[in-house]
N, C-alpha and C. Protein backbone atom coordinates (compact mmCIF):
# COMPACT_ATOMS: atom_id res chain seq x y z
N MET A 1 0.86 -1.16 0.00
CA MET A 1 0.00 0.00 0.00
C MET A 1 0.91 1.23 0.00
N ASP A 2 0.66 2.13 -0.91
CA ASP A 2 1.49 3.32 -1.05
C ASP A 2 0.77 4.50 -0.43
N LEU A 3 1.20 4.88 0.78
CA LEU A 3 0.62 6.04 1.47
C LEU A 3 1.63 7.18 1.45
N ASN A 4 1.11 8.38 1.43
CA ASN A 4 1.97 9.56 1.43
C ASN A 4 1.60 10.49 2.57
N PRO A 5 1.80 10.05 3.82
CA PRO A 5 1.42 10.91 4.94
C PRO A 5 2.42 12.05 5.13
N LYS A 6 1.93 13.12 5.67
CA LYS A 6 2.78 14.25 6.05
C LYS A 6 2.83 14.28 7.57
N ILE A 7 4.03 14.28 8.11
CA ILE A 7 4.20 14.28 9.55
C ILE A 7 4.50 15.70 10.00
N LEU A 8 3.71 16.17 10.95
CA LEU A 8 3.87 17.53 11.47
C LEU A 8 4.51 17.48 12.85
N LYS A 9 5.43 18.39 13.06
CA LYS A 9 6.15 18.44 14.34
C LYS A 9 5.58 19.56 15.22
N ILE A 10 5.53 19.26 16.48
CA ILE A 10 5.17 20.28 17.48
C ILE A 10 6.30 20.28 18.50
N GLU A 11 6.92 21.44 18.64
CA GLU A 11 8.06 21.60 19.54
C GLU A 11 9.15 20.56 19.24
N GLY A 12 9.37 20.33 17.94
CA GLY A 12 10.44 19.45 17.51
C GLY A 12 10.13 17.96 17.54
N LYS A 13 8.91 17.59 17.98
CA LYS A 13 8.56 16.16 18.05
C LYS A 13 7.49 15.85 17.01
N ASP A 14 7.60 14.67 16.40
CA ASP A 14 6.56 14.21 15.48
C ASP A 14 5.28 14.00 16.28
N GLU A 15 4.23 14.75 15.96
CA GLU A 15 3.01 14.70 16.75
C GLU A 15 1.75 14.41 15.93
N LEU A 16 1.70 14.86 14.69
CA LEU A 16 0.49 14.73 13.89
C LEU A 16 0.80 14.14 12.52
N VAL A 17 -0.19 13.43 11.99
CA VAL A 17 -0.07 12.88 10.65
C VAL A 17 -1.24 13.41 9.82
N VAL A 18 -0.92 13.90 8.64
CA VAL A 18 -1.95 14.39 7.72
C VAL A 18 -1.84 13.54 6.45
N MET A 19 -3.01 13.04 6.01
CA MET A 19 -3.03 12.26 4.77
C MET A 19 -4.34 12.51 4.05
N THR A 20 -4.38 12.11 2.81
CA THR A 20 -5.61 12.30 2.05
C THR A 20 -6.69 11.36 2.59
N MET A 21 -7.93 11.70 2.34
CA MET A 21 -9.03 10.86 2.78
C MET A 21 -8.96 9.48 2.13
N VAL A 22 -8.58 9.43 0.87
CA VAL A 22 -8.46 8.15 0.16
C VAL A 22 -7.43 7.26 0.86
N ASP A 23 -6.27 7.83 1.20
CA ASP A 23 -5.25 7.06 1.90
C ASP A 23 -5.74 6.61 3.27
N TYR A 24 -6.42 7.50 3.97
CA TYR A 24 -6.95 7.15 5.29
C TYR A 24 -7.94 5.99 5.19
N LEU A 25 -8.84 6.05 4.22
CA LEU A 25 -9.84 4.99 4.07
C LEU A 25 -9.16 3.66 3.70
N ARG A 26 -8.15 3.70 2.86
CA ARG A 26 -7.41 2.48 2.53
C ARG A 26 -6.73 1.90 3.78
N LEU A 27 -6.12 2.77 4.56
CA LEU A 27 -5.44 2.33 5.78
C LEU A 27 -6.43 1.74 6.77
N ARG A 28 -7.58 2.39 6.92
CA ARG A 28 -8.61 1.89 7.84
C ARG A 28 -9.14 0.53 7.37
N GLU A 29 -9.37 0.39 6.07
CA GLU A 29 -9.84 -0.88 5.51
C GLU A 29 -8.83 -2.00 5.76
N ALA A 30 -7.55 -1.70 5.58
CA ALA A 30 -6.51 -2.70 5.82
C ALA A 30 -6.47 -3.09 7.29
N ALA A 31 -6.64 -2.14 8.18
CA ALA A 31 -6.65 -2.44 9.62
C ALA A 31 -7.86 -3.30 9.98
N GLU A 32 -9.02 -3.00 9.40
CA GLU A 32 -10.22 -3.79 9.66
C GLU A 32 -10.06 -5.21 9.12
N ASP A 33 -9.46 -5.34 7.94
CA ASP A 33 -9.21 -6.67 7.37
C ASP A 33 -8.29 -7.48 8.27
N ALA A 34 -7.24 -6.84 8.78
CA ALA A 34 -6.30 -7.53 9.67
C ALA A 34 -7.00 -7.98 10.95
N GLN A 35 -7.88 -7.14 11.47
CA GLN A 35 -8.64 -7.49 12.67
C GLN A 35 -9.56 -8.68 12.39
N ASP A 36 -10.20 -8.70 11.23
CA ASP A 36 -11.07 -9.81 10.86
C ASP A 36 -10.28 -11.12 10.76
N VAL A 37 -9.08 -11.05 10.20
CA VAL A 37 -8.25 -12.25 10.06
C VAL A 37 -7.87 -12.77 11.44
N ARG A 38 -7.50 -11.86 12.36
CA ARG A 38 -7.14 -12.29 13.72
C ARG A 38 -8.34 -12.95 14.41
N ALA A 39 -9.53 -12.37 14.25
CA ALA A 39 -10.73 -12.93 14.86
C ALA A 39 -11.05 -14.30 14.27
N MET A 40 -10.90 -14.45 12.95
CA MET A 40 -11.18 -15.72 12.30
C MET A 40 -10.20 -16.79 12.79
N ARG A 41 -8.94 -16.44 12.90
CA ARG A 41 -7.95 -17.41 13.39
C ARG A 41 -8.24 -17.83 14.82
N ALA A 42 -8.62 -16.88 15.66
CA ALA A 42 -8.95 -17.20 17.05
C ALA A 42 -10.18 -18.11 17.12
N ALA A 43 -11.18 -17.84 16.28
CA ALA A 43 -12.39 -18.66 16.26
C ALA A 43 -12.07 -20.08 15.80
N ARG A 44 -11.25 -20.20 14.77
CA ARG A 44 -10.87 -21.53 14.28
C ARG A 44 -10.11 -22.30 15.36
N LYS A 45 -9.23 -21.60 16.07
CA LYS A 45 -8.45 -22.25 17.12
C LYS A 45 -9.36 -22.74 18.24
N SER A 46 -10.32 -21.92 18.64
CA SER A 46 -11.21 -22.31 19.74
C SER A 46 -12.22 -23.38 19.31
N ASP A 47 -12.46 -23.52 18.01
CA ASP A 47 -13.42 -24.51 17.51
C ASP A 47 -12.76 -25.84 17.13
N ARG A 48 -11.47 -25.96 17.30
CA ARG A 48 -10.78 -27.21 16.93
C ARG A 48 -11.39 -28.38 17.70
N GLY A 49 -11.69 -29.45 16.95
CA GLY A 49 -12.22 -30.65 17.58
C GLY A 49 -13.72 -30.64 17.78
N LYS A 50 -14.35 -29.50 17.55
CA LYS A 50 -15.80 -29.42 17.70
C LYS A 50 -16.46 -29.86 16.40
N PRO A 51 -17.67 -30.41 16.48
CA PRO A 51 -18.33 -30.89 15.25
C PRO A 51 -18.72 -29.75 14.32
N ASP A 52 -18.70 -30.07 13.03
CA ASP A 52 -19.15 -29.13 12.01
C ASP A 52 -20.58 -29.47 11.63
N TYR A 53 -21.34 -28.46 11.23
CA TYR A 53 -22.72 -28.68 10.79
C TYR A 53 -22.95 -27.97 9.47
N SER A 54 -23.74 -28.62 8.61
CA SER A 54 -24.15 -27.96 7.37
C SER A 54 -25.18 -26.89 7.73
N LEU A 55 -25.50 -26.02 6.78
CA LEU A 55 -26.49 -24.98 7.03
C LEU A 55 -27.84 -25.60 7.39
N ASP A 56 -28.25 -26.65 6.67
CA ASP A 56 -29.53 -27.30 6.97
C ASP A 56 -29.52 -27.93 8.36
N GLU A 57 -28.39 -28.55 8.75
CA GLU A 57 -28.29 -29.14 10.08
C GLU A 57 -28.36 -28.06 11.16
N ALA A 58 -27.69 -26.94 10.93
CA ALA A 58 -27.71 -25.85 11.91
C ALA A 58 -29.12 -25.28 12.05
N ARG A 59 -29.81 -25.10 10.94
CA ARG A 59 -31.19 -24.60 10.99
C ARG A 59 -32.07 -25.56 11.79
N ALA A 60 -31.92 -26.85 11.53
CA ALA A 60 -32.73 -27.85 12.24
C ALA A 60 -32.42 -27.82 13.74
N ARG A 61 -31.15 -27.72 14.10
CA ARG A 61 -30.77 -27.69 15.51
C ARG A 61 -31.30 -26.45 16.22
N LEU A 62 -31.43 -25.35 15.49
CA LEU A 62 -31.93 -24.10 16.06
C LEU A 62 -33.43 -23.94 15.92
N GLY A 63 -34.07 -24.94 15.33
CA GLY A 63 -35.52 -24.86 15.13
C GLY A 63 -35.90 -23.92 14.01
N LEU A 64 -35.00 -23.70 13.09
CA LEU A 64 -35.25 -22.78 11.98
C LEU A 64 -35.38 -23.51 10.66
N ALA A 65 -35.61 -24.82 10.72
CA ALA A 65 -35.70 -25.60 9.49
C ALA A 65 -36.84 -25.08 8.64
N LYS A 66 -36.64 -25.14 7.34
CA LYS A 66 -37.68 -24.70 6.42
C LYS A 66 -38.90 -25.57 6.61
N LYS A 67 -40.05 -24.92 6.69
CA LYS A 67 -41.30 -25.64 6.87
C LYS A 67 -41.97 -25.81 5.52
N LYS A 68 -42.60 -26.97 5.37
CA LYS A 68 -43.33 -27.22 4.13
C LYS A 68 -44.61 -26.40 4.16
N PRO A 69 -45.05 -25.89 3.02
CA PRO A 69 -46.29 -25.12 2.99
C PRO A 69 -47.46 -25.99 3.46
N THR A 70 -48.35 -25.37 4.22
CA THR A 70 -49.48 -26.13 4.75
C THR A 70 -50.56 -26.32 3.70
N LYS A 71 -50.68 -25.40 2.78
CA LYS A 71 -51.71 -25.49 1.76
C LYS A 71 -51.02 -25.48 0.40
N LYS A 72 -51.40 -26.42 -0.44
CA LYS A 72 -50.79 -26.50 -1.76
C LYS A 72 -51.23 -25.30 -2.60
N GLN A 73 -50.24 -24.63 -3.16
CA GLN A 73 -50.51 -23.47 -3.99
C GLN A 73 -50.89 -23.92 -5.40
N PRO A 74 -51.86 -23.26 -6.02
CA PRO A 74 -52.23 -23.64 -7.39
C PRO A 74 -51.07 -23.35 -8.34
N ARG A 75 -50.93 -24.21 -9.30
CA ARG A 75 -49.86 -24.06 -10.27
C ARG A 75 -50.30 -23.10 -11.36
N VAL A 76 -49.45 -22.16 -11.69
CA VAL A 76 -49.75 -21.17 -12.71
C VAL A 76 -49.15 -21.64 -14.02
N THR A 77 -49.96 -21.69 -15.05
CA THR A 77 -49.47 -22.07 -16.37
C THR A 77 -49.73 -20.95 -17.35
N ARG A 78 -48.85 -20.85 -18.29
CA ARG A 78 -49.03 -19.83 -19.32
C ARG A 78 -49.59 -20.47 -20.58
N ARG A 79 -50.46 -19.73 -21.21
CA ARG A 79 -50.98 -20.20 -22.49
C ARG A 79 -50.05 -19.77 -23.60
N LYS A 80 -49.87 -20.67 -24.54
CA LYS A 80 -49.03 -20.33 -25.69
C LYS A 80 -49.87 -19.53 -26.67
N PRO A 81 -49.31 -18.45 -27.22
CA PRO A 81 -50.09 -17.65 -28.17
C PRO A 81 -50.38 -18.43 -29.44
N GLY A 82 -51.57 -18.14 -29.96
CA GLY A 82 -51.88 -18.69 -31.27
C GLY A 82 -52.81 -19.79 -31.21
């Protein structure tokens, strides 16, 4: 990532950084991505040895399984012209 920050000194010490909004947003996005990767790695580490579930299995375990319609819907057919 190519950033071009300007460092401002106060009383001879580097105190402030000025950068374009585009550079700031890129830097923030990269920091958020790095945080997501750390969280994912921690989650994988804590889940080692635990069972995996498919989406359908997870829905069923949580009581969110898709329910079959109670009333059959009429089938819509199109007429061919002519």
